[in-house]
Amino acid sequence: MEFATVAKPGAISKVTGVDVRGFRHAVSNQSISHTLKRHGNPKVEAPRGQIAVTPKDFEKLPQIVRLGTVHAPEPHKSLLPRFVIKAEIDGIGYHYVGDVKAGKRRLDMVSLRMKKGSW
């Protein structure tokens, strides 16, 4: 599912080295499943100082990518250019990780994490 045009193409391009003007943000069932599996259990997330992600939290994705700031990612194994968007909405910090899929002209969500306050 595609959900938004890129709001900050210059910032994402700077971090990834790819001109993303005209790209769209997208989220797949696979990335939702990954996020819920890895970051959806309150018993696992609480000791990390994080809040478990629920299916309802994905409704905020357009707002997160529109309001957030773009950052370089932590080291990762992906061969695709990657970026992070951090946003705080209603006292909750969101840490959105995305990959650039230049051939499809998309920025695909990889994962989402949450915690109280900003990242």
PDB file of N, CA and C in Angstrom:
ATOM      1  N   MET A   1       0.838  -1.174   0.000  1.00  0.00           N
ATOM      2  CA  MET A   1       0.000   0.000   0.000  1.00  0.00           C
ATOM      3  C   MET A   1       0.889   1.245   0.000  1.00  0.00           C
ATOM      4  N   GLU A   2       0.679   2.114  -0.956  1.00  0.00           N
ATOM      5  CA  GLU A   2       1.377   3.397  -0.969  1.00  0.00           C
ATOM      6  C   GLU A   2       0.534   4.388  -0.192  1.00  0.00           C
ATOM      7  N   PHE A   3       1.210   5.259   0.587  1.00  0.00           N
ATOM      8  CA  PHE A   3       0.412   6.133   1.435  1.00  0.00           C
ATOM      9  C   PHE A   3       0.775   7.597   1.414  1.00  0.00           C
ATOM     10  N   ALA A   4       1.885   7.999   0.844  1.00  0.00           N
ATOM     11  CA  ALA A   4       2.209   9.428   0.842  1.00  0.00           C
ATOM     12  C   ALA A   4       3.327   9.715  -0.140  1.00  0.00           C
ATOM     13  N   THR A   5       3.271  10.904  -0.730  1.00  0.00           N
ATOM     14  CA  THR A   5       4.409  11.348  -1.517  1.00  0.00           C
ATOM     15  C   THR A   5       5.499  11.778  -0.546  1.00  0.00           C
ATOM     16  N   VAL A   6       6.720  11.779  -0.993  1.00  0.00           N
ATOM     17  CA  VAL A   6       7.840  12.121  -0.129  1.00  0.00           C
ATOM     18  C   VAL A   6       7.775  13.599   0.231  1.00  0.00           C
ATOM     19  N   ALA A   7       7.692  13.873   1.530  1.00  0.00           N
ATOM     20  CA  ALA A   7       7.568  15.248   1.992  1.00  0.00           C
ATOM     21  C   ALA A   7       8.918  15.957   2.072  1.00  0.00           C
ATOM     22  N   LYS A   8       9.976  15.221   2.308  1.00  0.00           N
ATOM     23  CA  LYS A   8      11.308  15.813   2.466  1.00  0.00           C
ATOM     24  C   LYS A   8      12.312  15.125   1.547  1.00  0.00           C
ATOM     25  N   PRO A   9      12.104  15.228   0.237  1.00  0.00           N
ATOM     26  CA  PRO A   9      12.990  14.481  -0.664  1.00  0.00           C
ATOM     27  C   PRO A   9      14.453  14.899  -0.550  1.00  0.00           C
ATOM     28  N   GLY A  10      14.722  16.168  -0.294  1.00  0.00           N
ATOM     29  CA  GLY A  10      16.114  16.620  -0.188  1.00  0.00           C
ATOM     30  C   GLY A  10      16.831  15.976   0.979  1.00  0.00           C
ATOM     31  N   ALA A  11      16.167  15.876   2.120  1.00  0.00           N
ATOM     32  CA  ALA A  11      16.786  15.292   3.306  1.00  0.00           C
ATOM     33  C   ALA A  11      17.024  13.792   3.116  1.00  0.00           C
ATOM     34  N   ILE A  12      16.057  13.091   2.539  1.00  0.00           N
ATOM     35  CA  ILE A  12      16.228  11.655   2.309  1.00  0.00           C
ATOM     36  C   ILE A  12      17.304  11.422   1.259  1.00  0.00           C
ATOM     37  N   SER A  13      17.320  12.249   0.222  1.00  0.00           N
ATOM     38  CA  SER A  13      18.348  12.120  -0.816  1.00  0.00           C
ATOM     39  C   SER A  13      19.738  12.333  -0.235  1.00  0.00           C
ATOM     40  N   LYS A  14      19.871  13.300   0.663  1.00  0.00           N
ATOM     41  CA  LYS A  14      21.172  13.588   1.277  1.00  0.00           C
ATOM     42  C   LYS A  14      21.672  12.395   2.092  1.00  0.00           C
ATOM     43  N   VAL A  15      20.779  11.757   2.841  1.00  0.00           N
ATOM     44  CA  VAL A  15      21.149  10.624   3.692  1.00  0.00           C
ATOM     45  C   VAL A  15      21.441   9.373   2.868  1.00  0.00           C
ATOM     46  N   THR A  16      20.673   9.155   1.794  1.00  0.00           N
ATOM     47  CA  THR A  16      20.787   7.909   1.032  1.00  0.00           C
ATOM     48  C   THR A  16      21.655   8.001  -0.211  1.00  0.00           C
ATOM     49  N   GLY A  17      21.858   9.216  -0.713  1.00  0.00           N
ATOM     50  CA  GLY A  17      22.607   9.380  -1.948  1.00  0.00           C
ATOM     51  C   GLY A  17      21.786   9.096  -3.192  1.00  0.00           C
ATOM     52  N   VAL A  18      20.457   8.985  -3.043  1.00  0.00           N
ATOM     53  CA  VAL A  18      19.561   8.696  -4.162  1.00  0.00           C
ATOM     54  C   VAL A  18      18.565   9.846  -4.290  1.00  0.00           C
ATOM     55  N   ASP A  19      18.388  10.360  -5.503  1.00  0.00           N
ATOM     56  CA  ASP A  19      17.390  11.405  -5.749  1.00  0.00           C
ATOM     57  C   ASP A  19      16.004  10.762  -5.670  1.00  0.00           C
ATOM     58  N   VAL A  20      15.249  11.098  -4.632  1.00  0.00           N
ATOM     59  CA  VAL A  20      13.949  10.455  -4.408  1.00  0.00           C
ATOM     60  C   VAL A  20      12.766  11.366  -4.755  1.00  0.00           C
ATOM     61  N   ARG A  21      13.029  12.437  -5.481  1.00  0.00           N
ATOM     62  CA  ARG A  21      11.909  13.302  -5.890  1.00  0.00           C
ATOM     63  C   ARG A  21      10.921  12.493  -6.720  1.00  0.00           C
ATOM     64  N   GLY A  22       9.637  12.622  -6.393  1.00  0.00           N
ATOM     65  CA  GLY A  22       8.595  11.911  -7.116  1.00  0.00           C
ATOM     66  C   GLY A  22       8.334  10.496  -6.596  1.00  0.00           C
ATOM     67  N   PHE A  23       9.101  10.046  -5.614  1.00  0.00           N
ATOM     68  CA  PHE A  23       8.870   8.729  -5.021  1.00  0.00           C
ATOM     69  C   PHE A  23       7.672   8.808  -4.074  1.00  0.00           C
ATOM     70  N   ARG A  24       7.147   7.638  -3.699  1.00  0.00           N
ATOM     71  CA  ARG A  24       6.056   7.547  -2.727  1.00  0.00           C
ATOM     72  C   ARG A  24       6.467   6.618  -1.597  1.00  0.00           C
ATOM     73  N   HIS A  25       5.947   6.903  -0.407  1.00  0.00           N
ATOM     74  CA  HIS A  25       6.142   6.003   0.727  1.00  0.00           C
ATOM     75  C   HIS A  25       5.186   4.830   0.573  1.00  0.00           C
ATOM     76  N   ALA A  26       5.644   3.660   1.002  1.00  0.00           N
ATOM     77  CA  ALA A  26       4.813   2.459   0.912  1.00  0.00           C
ATOM     78  C   ALA A  26       5.062   1.572   2.119  1.00  0.00           C
ATOM     79  N   VAL A  27       4.052   0.768   2.434  1.00  0.00           N
ATOM     80  CA  VAL A  27       4.172  -0.205   3.518  1.00  0.00           C
ATOM     81  C   VAL A  27       3.581  -1.522   3.020  1.00  0.00           C
ATOM     82  N   SER A  28       4.289  -2.605   3.286  1.00  0.00           N
ATOM     83  CA  SER A  28       3.842  -3.920   2.839  1.00  0.00           C
ATOM     84  C   SER A  28       3.333  -4.735   4.024  1.00  0.00           C
ATOM     85  N   ASN A  29       2.592  -5.779   3.716  1.00  0.00           N
ATOM     86  CA  ASN A  29       2.147  -6.697   4.762  1.00  0.00           C
ATOM     87  C   ASN A  29       3.356  -7.307   5.468  1.00  0.00           C
ATOM     88  N   GLN A  30       4.423  -7.551   4.715  1.00  0.00           N
ATOM     89  CA  GLN A  30       5.632  -8.132   5.286  1.00  0.00           C
ATOM     90  C   GLN A  30       6.260  -7.195   6.320  1.00  0.00           C
ATOM     91  N   SER A  31       6.323  -5.896   6.017  1.00  0.00           N
ATOM     92  CA  SER A  31       6.929  -4.963   6.968  1.00  0.00           C
ATOM     93  C   SER A  31       6.043  -4.779   8.204  1.00  0.00           C
ATOM     94  N   ILE A  32       4.740  -4.826   8.017  1.00  0.00           N
ATOM     95  CA  ILE A  32       3.833  -4.761   9.171  1.00  0.00           C
ATOM     96  C   ILE A  32       4.017  -6.000  10.040  1.00  0.00           C
ATOM     97  N   SER A  33       4.064  -7.154   9.410  1.00  0.00           N
ATOM     98  CA  SER A  33       4.265  -8.404  10.147  1.00  0.00           C
ATOM     99  C   SER A  33       5.590  -8.393  10.903  1.00  0.00           C
ATOM    100  N   HIS A  34       6.651  -7.946  10.243  1.00  0.00           N
ATOM    101  CA  HIS A  34       7.964  -7.854  10.882  1.00  0.00           C
ATOM    102  C   HIS A  34       7.904  -6.950  12.109  1.00  0.00           C
ATOM    103  N   THR A  35       7.304  -5.772  11.946  1.00  0.00           N
ATOM    104  CA  THR A  35       7.229  -4.804  13.036  1.00  0.00           C
ATOM    105  C   THR A  35       6.443  -5.363  14.214  1.00  0.00           C
ATOM    106  N   LEU A  36       5.306  -5.974  13.949  1.00  0.00           N
ATOM    107  CA  LEU A  36       4.498  -6.516  15.041  1.00  0.00           C
ATOM    108  C   LEU A  36       5.214  -7.682  15.730  1.00  0.00           C
ATOM    109  N   LYS A  37       5.921  -8.496  14.957  1.00  0.00           N
ATOM    110  CA  LYS A  37       6.639  -9.635  15.528  1.00  0.00           C
ATOM    111  C   LYS A  37       7.813  -9.173  16.391  1.00  0.00           C
ATOM    112  N   ARG A  38       8.578  -8.186  15.896  1.00  0.00           N
ATOM    113  CA  ARG A  38       9.789  -7.737  16.585  1.00  0.00           C
ATOM    114  C   ARG A  38       9.562  -6.635  17.609  1.00  0.00           C
ATOM    115  N   HIS A  39       8.490  -5.838  17.420  1.00  0.00           N
ATOM    116  CA  HIS A  39       8.280  -4.677  18.288  1.00  0.00           C
ATOM    117  C   HIS A  39       6.846  -4.572  18.804  1.00  0.00           C
ATOM    118  N   GLY A  40       6.100  -5.668  18.770  1.00  0.00           N
ATOM    119  CA  GLY A  40       4.700  -5.626  19.175  1.00  0.00           C
ATOM    120  C   GLY A  40       4.377  -6.297  20.494  1.00  0.00           C
ATOM    121  N   ASN A  41       5.381  -6.806  21.189  1.00  0.00           N
ATOM    122  CA  ASN A  41       5.142  -7.501  22.453  1.00  0.00           C
ATOM    123  C   ASN A  41       5.480  -6.574  23.617  1.00  0.00           C
ATOM    124  N   PRO A  42       4.481  -6.184  24.418  1.00  0.00           N
ATOM    125  CA  PRO A  42       4.746  -5.263  25.537  1.00  0.00           C
ATOM    126  C   PRO A  42       5.782  -5.799  26.530  1.00  0.00           C
ATOM    127  N   LYS A  43       5.818  -7.109  26.747  1.00  0.00           N
ATOM    128  CA  LYS A  43       6.770  -7.691  27.704  1.00  0.00           C
ATOM    129  C   LYS A  43       8.212  -7.584  27.210  1.00  0.00           C
ATOM    130  N   VAL A  44       8.396  -7.558  25.913  1.00  0.00           N
ATOM    131  CA  VAL A  44       9.733  -7.429  25.334  1.00  0.00           C
ATOM    132  C   VAL A  44      10.119  -5.955  25.200  1.00  0.00           C
ATOM    133  N   GLU A  45       9.178  -5.129  24.795  1.00  0.00           N
ATOM    134  CA  GLU A  45       9.480  -3.719  24.539  1.00  0.00           C
ATOM    135  C   GLU A  45       9.689  -2.908  25.819  1.00  0.00           C
ATOM    136  N   ALA A  46       8.940  -3.200  26.872  1.00  0.00           N
ATOM    137  CA  ALA A  46       9.056  -2.419  28.117  1.00  0.00           C
ATOM    138  C   ALA A  46      10.471  -2.398  28.679  1.00  0.00           C
ATOM    139  N   PRO A  47      11.174  -3.535  28.773  1.00  0.00           N
ATOM    140  CA  PRO A  47      12.554  -3.481  29.279  1.00  0.00           C
ATOM    141  C   PRO A  47      13.500  -2.670  28.383  1.00  0.00           C
ATOM    142  N   ARG A  48      13.148  -2.524  27.124  1.00  0.00           N
ATOM    143  CA  ARG A  48      13.943  -1.717  26.195  1.00  0.00           C
ATOM    144  C   ARG A  48      13.605  -0.229  26.311  1.00  0.00           C
ATOM    145  N   GLY A  49      12.605   0.088  27.152  1.00  0.00           N
ATOM    146  CA  GLY A  49      12.158   1.474  27.270  1.00  0.00           C
ATOM    147  C   GLY A  49      11.266   1.891  26.118  1.00  0.00           C
ATOM    148  N   GLN A  50      10.651   0.911  25.464  1.00  0.00           N
ATOM    149  CA  GLN A  50       9.819   1.193  24.305  1.00  0.00           C
ATOM    150  C   GLN A  50       8.376   0.765  24.558  1.00  0.00           C
ATOM    151  N   ILE A  51       7.507   1.204  23.668  1.00  0.00           N
ATOM    152  CA  ILE A  51       6.087   0.875  23.701  1.00  0.00           C
ATOM    153  C   ILE A  51       5.826  -0.114  22.575  1.00  0.00           C
ATOM    154  N   ALA A  52       5.052  -1.143  22.858  1.00  0.00           N
ATOM    155  CA  ALA A  52       4.726  -2.129  21.828  1.00  0.00           C
ATOM    156  C   ALA A  52       3.875  -1.494  20.730  1.00  0.00           C
ATOM    157  N   VAL A  53       4.216  -1.791  19.490  1.00  0.00           N
ATOM    158  CA  VAL A  53       3.473  -1.306  18.328  1.00  0.00           C
ATOM    159  C   VAL A  53       2.223  -2.175  18.163  1.00  0.00           C
ATOM    160  N   THR A  54       1.095  -1.524  17.862  1.00  0.00           N
ATOM    161  CA  THR A  54      -0.157  -2.231  17.601  1.00  0.00           C
ATOM    162  C   THR A  54      -0.585  -1.951  16.155  1.00  0.00           C
ATOM    163  N   PRO A  55      -1.490  -2.749  15.606  1.00  0.00           N
ATOM    164  CA  PRO A  55      -1.951  -2.484  14.235  1.00  0.00           C
ATOM    165  C   PRO A  55      -2.487  -1.065  14.047  1.00  0.00           C
ATOM    166  N   LYS A  56      -3.111  -0.509  15.056  1.00  0.00           N
ATOM    167  CA  LYS A  56      -3.668   0.848  14.954  1.00  0.00           C
ATOM    168  C   LYS A  56      -2.569   1.903  14.745  1.00  0.00           C
ATOM    169  N   ASP A  57      -1.371   1.638  15.242  1.00  0.00           N
ATOM    170  CA  ASP A  57      -0.277   2.610  15.129  1.00  0.00           C
ATOM    171  C   ASP A  57       0.136   2.871  13.676  1.00  0.00           C
ATOM    172  N   PHE A  58      -0.117   1.924  12.792  1.00  0.00           N
ATOM    173  CA  PHE A  58       0.253   2.117  11.386  1.00  0.00           C
ATOM    174  C   PHE A  58      -0.588   3.204  10.715  1.00  0.00           C
ATOM    175  N   GLU A  59      -1.727   3.551  11.307  1.00  0.00           N
ATOM    176  CA  GLU A  59      -2.550   4.637  10.770  1.00  0.00           C
ATOM    177  C   GLU A  59      -1.824   5.978  10.851  1.00  0.00           C
ATOM    178  N   LYS A  60      -0.838   6.093  11.715  1.00  0.00           N
ATOM    179  CA  LYS A  60      -0.088   7.344  11.885  1.00  0.00           C
ATOM    180  C   LYS A  60       1.075   7.485  10.905  1.00  0.00           C
ATOM    181  N   LEU A  61       1.325   6.486  10.079  1.00  0.00           N
ATOM    182  CA  LEU A  61       2.480   6.542   9.181  1.00  0.00           C
ATOM    183  C   LEU A  61       2.527   7.801   8.312  1.00  0.00           C
ATOM    184  N   PRO A  62       1.421   8.210   7.674  1.00  0.00           N
ATOM    185  CA  PRO A  62       1.507   9.440   6.874  1.00  0.00           C
ATOM    186  C   PRO A  62       1.927  10.650   7.706  1.00  0.00           C
ATOM    187  N   GLN A  63       1.417  10.747   8.921  1.00  0.00           N
ATOM    188  CA  GLN A  63       1.764  11.856   9.803  1.00  0.00           C
ATOM    189  C   GLN A  63       3.231  11.760  10.241  1.00  0.00           C
ATOM    190  N   ILE A  64       3.698  10.569  10.526  1.00  0.00           N
ATOM    191  CA  ILE A  64       5.086  10.361  10.946  1.00  0.00           C
ATOM    192  C   ILE A  64       6.052  10.811   9.852  1.00  0.00           C
ATOM    193  N   VAL A  65       5.815  10.383   8.619  1.00  0.00           N
ATOM    194  CA  VAL A  65       6.753  10.745   7.539  1.00  0.00           C
ATOM    195  C   VAL A  65       6.641  12.224   7.177  1.00  0.00           C
ATOM    196  N   ARG A  66       5.472  12.820   7.360  1.00  0.00           N
ATOM    197  CA  ARG A  66       5.294  14.233   7.035  1.00  0.00           C
ATOM    198  C   ARG A  66       5.929  15.145   8.091  1.00  0.00           C
ATOM    199  N   LEU A  67       5.786  14.791   9.374  1.00  0.00           N
ATOM    200  CA  LEU A  67       6.242  15.659  10.458  1.00  0.00           C
ATOM    201  C   LEU A  67       7.651  15.355  10.952  1.00  0.00           C
ATOM    202  N   GLY A  68       8.145  14.160  10.679  1.00  0.00           N
ATOM    203  CA  GLY A  68       9.419  13.728  11.246  1.00  0.00           C
ATOM    204  C   GLY A  68      10.648  14.346  10.607  1.00  0.00           C
ATOM    205  N   THR A  69      11.767  14.097  11.259  1.00  0.00           N
ATOM    206  CA  THR A  69      13.066  14.536  10.736  1.00  0.00           C
ATOM    207  C   THR A  69      13.823  13.317  10.230  1.00  0.00           C
ATOM    208  N   VAL A  70      14.591  13.519   9.186  1.00  0.00           N
ATOM    209  CA  VAL A  70      15.304  12.429   8.522  1.00  0.00           C
ATOM    210  C   VAL A  70      16.708  12.308   9.105  1.00  0.00           C
ATOM    211  N   HIS A  71      17.113  11.053   9.336  1.00  0.00           N
ATOM    212  CA  HIS A  71      18.428  10.771   9.909  1.00  0.00           C
ATOM    213  C   HIS A  71      19.086   9.626   9.151  1.00  0.00           C
ATOM    214  N   ALA A  72      20.403   9.551   9.278  1.00  0.00           N
ATOM    215  CA  ALA A  72      21.134   8.406   8.737  1.00  0.00           C
ATOM    216  C   ALA A  72      20.834   7.202   9.631  1.00  0.00           C
ATOM    217  N   PRO A  73      20.812   6.011   9.057  1.00  0.00           N
ATOM    218  CA  PRO A  73      20.508   4.824   9.852  1.00  0.00           C
ATOM    219  C   PRO A  73      21.712   4.335  10.647  1.00  0.00           C
ATOM    220  N   GLU A  74      21.414   3.461  11.595  1.00  0.00           N
ATOM    221  CA  GLU A  74      22.474   2.718  12.272  1.00  0.00           C
ATOM    222  C   GLU A  74      23.041   1.740  11.235  1.00  0.00           C
ATOM    223  N   PRO A  75      24.232   1.202  11.469  1.00  0.00           N
ATOM    224  CA  PRO A  75      24.762   0.200  10.530  1.00  0.00           C
ATOM    225  C   PRO A  75      23.757  -0.941  10.335  1.00  0.00           C
ATOM    226  N   HIS A  76      23.661  -1.426   9.106  1.00  0.00           N
ATOM    227  CA  HIS A  76      22.668  -2.446   8.779  1.00  0.00           C
ATOM    228  C   HIS A  76      23.212  -3.358   7.691  1.00  0.00           C
ATOM    229  N   LYS A  77      22.521  -4.485   7.489  1.00  0.00           N
ATOM    230  CA  LYS A  77      22.952  -5.474   6.493  1.00  0.00           C
ATOM    231  C   LYS A  77      22.310  -5.259   5.134  1.00  0.00           C
ATOM    232  N   SER A  78      21.307  -4.419   5.060  1.00  0.00           N
ATOM    233  CA  SER A  78      20.580  -4.226   3.808  1.00  0.00           C
ATOM    234  C   SER A  78      21.500  -3.680   2.720  1.00  0.00           C
ATOM    235  N   LEU A  79      21.316  -4.167   1.521  1.00  0.00           N
ATOM    236  CA  LEU A  79      22.069  -3.649   0.383  1.00  0.00           C
ATOM    237  C   LEU A  79      21.406  -2.409  -0.203  1.00  0.00           C
ATOM    238  N   LEU A  80      20.178  -2.134   0.237  1.00  0.00           N
ATOM    239  CA  LEU A  80      19.443  -0.973  -0.253  1.00  0.00           C
ATOM    240  C   LEU A  80      19.799   0.264   0.567  1.00  0.00           C
ATOM    241  N   PRO A  81      19.771   1.445  -0.057  1.00  0.00           N
ATOM    242  CA  PRO A  81      19.972   2.672   0.721  1.00  0.00           C
ATOM    243  C   PRO A  81      18.862   2.784   1.769  1.00  0.00           C
ATOM    244  N   ARG A  82      19.245   3.147   2.978  1.00  0.00           N
ATOM    245  CA  ARG A  82      18.298   3.171   4.094  1.00  0.00           C
ATOM    246  C   ARG A  82      18.297   4.541   4.758  1.00  0.00           C
ATOM    247  N   PHE A  83      17.179   4.879   5.384  1.00  0.00           N
ATOM    248  CA  PHE A  83      17.024   6.139   6.105  1.00  0.00           C
ATOM    249  C   PHE A  83      16.147   5.895   7.326  1.00  0.00           C
ATOM    250  N   VAL A  84      16.177   6.853   8.249  1.00  0.00           N
ATOM    251  CA  VAL A  84      15.351   6.805   9.452  1.00  0.00           C
ATOM    252  C   VAL A  84      14.590   8.112   9.546  1.00  0.00           C
ATOM    253  N   ILE A  85      13.325   8.030   9.924  1.00  0.00           N
ATOM    254  CA  ILE A  85      12.531   9.219  10.206  1.00  0.00           C
ATOM    255  C   ILE A  85      12.103   9.136  11.665  1.00  0.00           C
ATOM    256  N   LYS A  86      12.401  10.200  12.412  1.00  0.00           N
ATOM    257  CA  LYS A  86      12.021  10.267  13.828  1.00  0.00           C
ATOM    258  C   LYS A  86      11.003  11.376  13.996  1.00  0.00           C
ATOM    259  N   ALA A  87       9.898  11.045  14.661  1.00  0.00           N
ATOM    260  CA  ALA A  87       8.843  12.028  14.885  1.00  0.00           C
ATOM    261  C   ALA A  87       8.297  11.854  16.291  1.00  0.00           C
ATOM    262  N   GLU A  88       7.819  12.945  16.868  1.00  0.00           N
ATOM    263  CA  GLU A  88       7.112  12.880  18.141  1.00  0.00           C
ATOM    264  C   GLU A  88       5.707  13.426  17.928  1.00  0.00           C
ATOM    265  N   ILE A  89       4.722  12.598  18.262  1.00  0.00           N
ATOM    266  CA  ILE A  89       3.321  12.970  18.093  1.00  0.00           C
ATOM    267  C   ILE A  89       2.594  12.641  19.387  1.00  0.00           C
ATOM    268  N   ASP A  90       1.978  13.642  19.993  1.00  0.00           N
ATOM    269  CA  ASP A  90       1.223  13.468  21.241  1.00  0.00           C
ATOM    270  C   ASP A  90       2.058  12.780  22.324  1.00  0.00           C
ATOM    271  N   GLY A  91       3.330  13.158  22.428  1.00  0.00           N
ATOM    272  CA  GLY A  91       4.197  12.636  23.475  1.00  0.00           C
ATOM    273  C   GLY A  91       4.794  11.270  23.202  1.00  0.00           C
ATOM    274  N   ILE A  92       4.516  10.700  22.037  1.00  0.00           N
ATOM    275  CA  ILE A  92       5.063   9.402  21.657  1.00  0.00           C
ATOM    276  C   ILE A  92       6.100   9.611  20.561  1.00  0.00           C
ATOM    277  N   GLY A  93       7.281   9.034  20.759  1.00  0.00           N
ATOM    278  CA  GLY A  93       8.340   9.103  19.757  1.00  0.00           C
ATOM    279  C   GLY A  93       8.253   7.912  18.816  1.00  0.00           C
ATOM    280  N   TYR A  94       8.341   8.184  17.534  1.00  0.00           N
ATOM    281  CA  TYR A  94       8.286   7.145  16.498  1.00  0.00           C
ATOM    282  C   TYR A  94       9.631   7.080  15.796  1.00  0.00           C
ATOM    283  N   HIS A  95      10.102   5.876  15.568  1.00  0.00           N
ATOM    284  CA  HIS A  95      11.373   5.622  14.892  1.00  0.00           C
ATOM    285  C   HIS A  95      11.046   4.735  13.689  1.00  0.00           C
ATOM    286  N   TYR A  96      10.960   5.368  12.526  1.00  0.00           N
ATOM    287  CA  TYR A  96      10.543   4.714  11.283  1.00  0.00           C
ATOM    288  C   TYR A  96      11.784   4.437  10.454  1.00  0.00           C
ATOM    289  N   VAL A  97      11.968   3.204  10.031  1.00  0.00           N
ATOM    290  CA  VAL A  97      13.111   2.833   9.193  1.00  0.00           C
ATOM    291  C   VAL A  97      12.579   2.499   7.803  1.00  0.00           C
ATOM    292  N   GLY A  98      13.231   3.045   6.784  1.00  0.00           N
ATOM    293  CA  GLY A  98      12.792   2.793   5.417  1.00  0.00           C
ATOM    294  C   GLY A  98      13.947   2.491   4.485  1.00  0.00           C
ATOM    295  N   ASP A  99      13.636   1.787   3.412  1.00  0.00           N
ATOM    296  CA  ASP A  99      14.589   1.481   2.341  1.00  0.00           C
ATOM    297  C   ASP A  99      14.171   2.200   1.070  1.00  0.00           C
ATOM    298  N   VAL A 100      15.142   2.615   0.279  1.00  0.00           N
ATOM    299  CA  VAL A 100      14.876   3.211  -1.023  1.00  0.00           C
ATOM    300  C   VAL A 100      14.833   2.096  -2.068  1.00  0.00           C
ATOM    301  N   LYS A 101      13.730   1.999  -2.780  1.00  0.00           N
ATOM    302  CA  LYS A 101      13.611   1.054  -3.898  1.00  0.00           C
ATOM    303  C   LYS A 101      13.496   1.895  -5.159  1.00  0.00           C
ATOM    304  N   ALA A 102      14.663   2.270  -5.677  1.00  0.00           N
ATOM    305  CA  ALA A 102      14.732   3.216  -6.787  1.00  0.00           C
ATOM    306  C   ALA A 102      14.010   2.706  -8.029  1.00  0.00           C
ATOM    307  N   GLY A 103      14.129   1.423  -8.336  1.00  0.00           N
ATOM    308  CA  GLY A 103      13.480   0.872  -9.521  1.00  0.00           C
ATOM    309  C   GLY A 103      11.970   0.978  -9.469  1.00  0.00           C
ATOM    310  N   LYS A 104      11.420   0.930  -8.278  1.00  0.00           N
ATOM    311  CA  LYS A 104       9.965   1.043  -8.101  1.00  0.00           C
ATOM    312  C   LYS A 104       9.541   2.462  -7.728  1.00  0.00           C
ATOM    313  N   ARG A 105      10.539   3.345  -7.555  1.00  0.00           N
ATOM    314  CA  ARG A 105      10.303   4.738  -7.168  1.00  0.00           C
ATOM    315  C   ARG A 105       9.489   4.808  -5.874  1.00  0.00           C
ATOM    316  N   ARG A 106       9.932   3.967  -4.899  1.00  0.00           N
ATOM    317  CA  ARG A 106       9.241   3.883  -3.621  1.00  0.00           C
ATOM    318  C   ARG A 106      10.228   3.940  -2.467  1.00  0.00           C
ATOM    319  N   LEU A 107       9.711   4.400  -1.335  1.00  0.00           N
ATOM    320  CA  LEU A 107      10.422   4.352  -0.069  1.00  0.00           C
ATOM    321  C   LEU A 107       9.620   3.402   0.807  1.00  0.00           C
ATOM    322  N   ASP A 108      10.130   2.202   1.005  1.00  0.00           N
ATOM    323  CA  ASP A 108       9.391   1.156   1.703  1.00  0.00           C
ATOM    324  C   ASP A 108       9.729   1.122   3.186  1.00  0.00           C
ATOM    325  N   MET A 109       8.686   1.100   4.020  1.00  0.00           N
ATOM    326  CA  MET A 109       8.886   0.943   5.446  1.00  0.00           C
ATOM    327  C   MET A 109       9.506  -0.421   5.706  1.00  0.00           C
ATOM    328  N   VAL A 110      10.507  -0.447   6.572  1.00  0.00           N
ATOM    329  CA  VAL A 110      11.127  -1.692   7.013  1.00  0.00           C
ATOM    330  C   VAL A 110      10.617  -2.035   8.403  1.00  0.00           C
ATOM    331  N   SER A 111      10.586  -1.015   9.284  1.00  0.00           N
ATOM    332  CA  SER A 111      10.229  -1.252  10.671  1.00  0.00           C
ATOM    333  C   SER A 111       9.763   0.045  11.331  1.00  0.00           C
ATOM    334  N   LEU A 112       9.063  -0.117  12.440  1.00  0.00           N
ATOM    335  CA  LEU A 112       8.590   1.012  13.230  1.00  0.00           C
ATOM    336  C   LEU A 112       8.753   0.655  14.701  1.00  0.00           C
ATOM    337  N   ARG A 113       9.297   1.587  15.468  1.00  0.00           N
ATOM    338  CA  ARG A 113       9.414   1.426  16.925  1.00  0.00           C
ATOM    339  C   ARG A 113       8.834   2.669  17.584  1.00  0.00           C
ATOM    340  N   MET A 114       8.443   2.513  18.856  1.00  0.00           N
ATOM    341  CA  MET A 114       7.822   3.625  19.579  1.00  0.00           C
ATOM    342  C   MET A 114       8.339   3.672  21.016  1.00  0.00           C
ATOM    343  N   LYS A 115       8.336   4.889  21.577  1.00  0.00           N
ATOM    344  CA  LYS A 115       8.646   5.057  22.990  1.00  0.00           C
ATOM    345  C   LYS A 115       8.042   6.379  23.456  1.00  0.00           C
ATOM    346  N   LYS A 116       7.961   6.555  24.765  1.00  0.00           N
ATOM    347  CA  LYS A 116       7.492   7.830  25.299  1.00  0.00           C
ATOM    348  C   LYS A 116       8.579   8.864  25.084  1.00  0.00           C
ATOM    349  N   GLY A 117       8.170  10.063  24.653  1.00  0.00           N
ATOM    350  CA  GLY A 117       9.134  11.127  24.399  1.00  0.00           C
ATOM    351  C   GLY A 117       9.829  10.934  23.062  1.00  0.00           C
ATOM    352  N   SER A 118      10.778  11.813  22.814  1.00  0.00           N
ATOM    353  CA  SER A 118      11.451  11.800  21.511  1.00  0.00           C
ATOM    354  C   SER A 118      12.603  10.809  21.492  1.00  0.00           C
ATOM    355  N   TRP A 119      13.030  10.457  20.284  1.00  0.00           N
ATOM    356  CA  TRP A 119      14.190   9.588  20.093  1.00  0.00           C
ATOM    357  C   TRP A 119      15.382  10.466  20.134  1.00  0.00           C
TER     358      TRP A 119
END
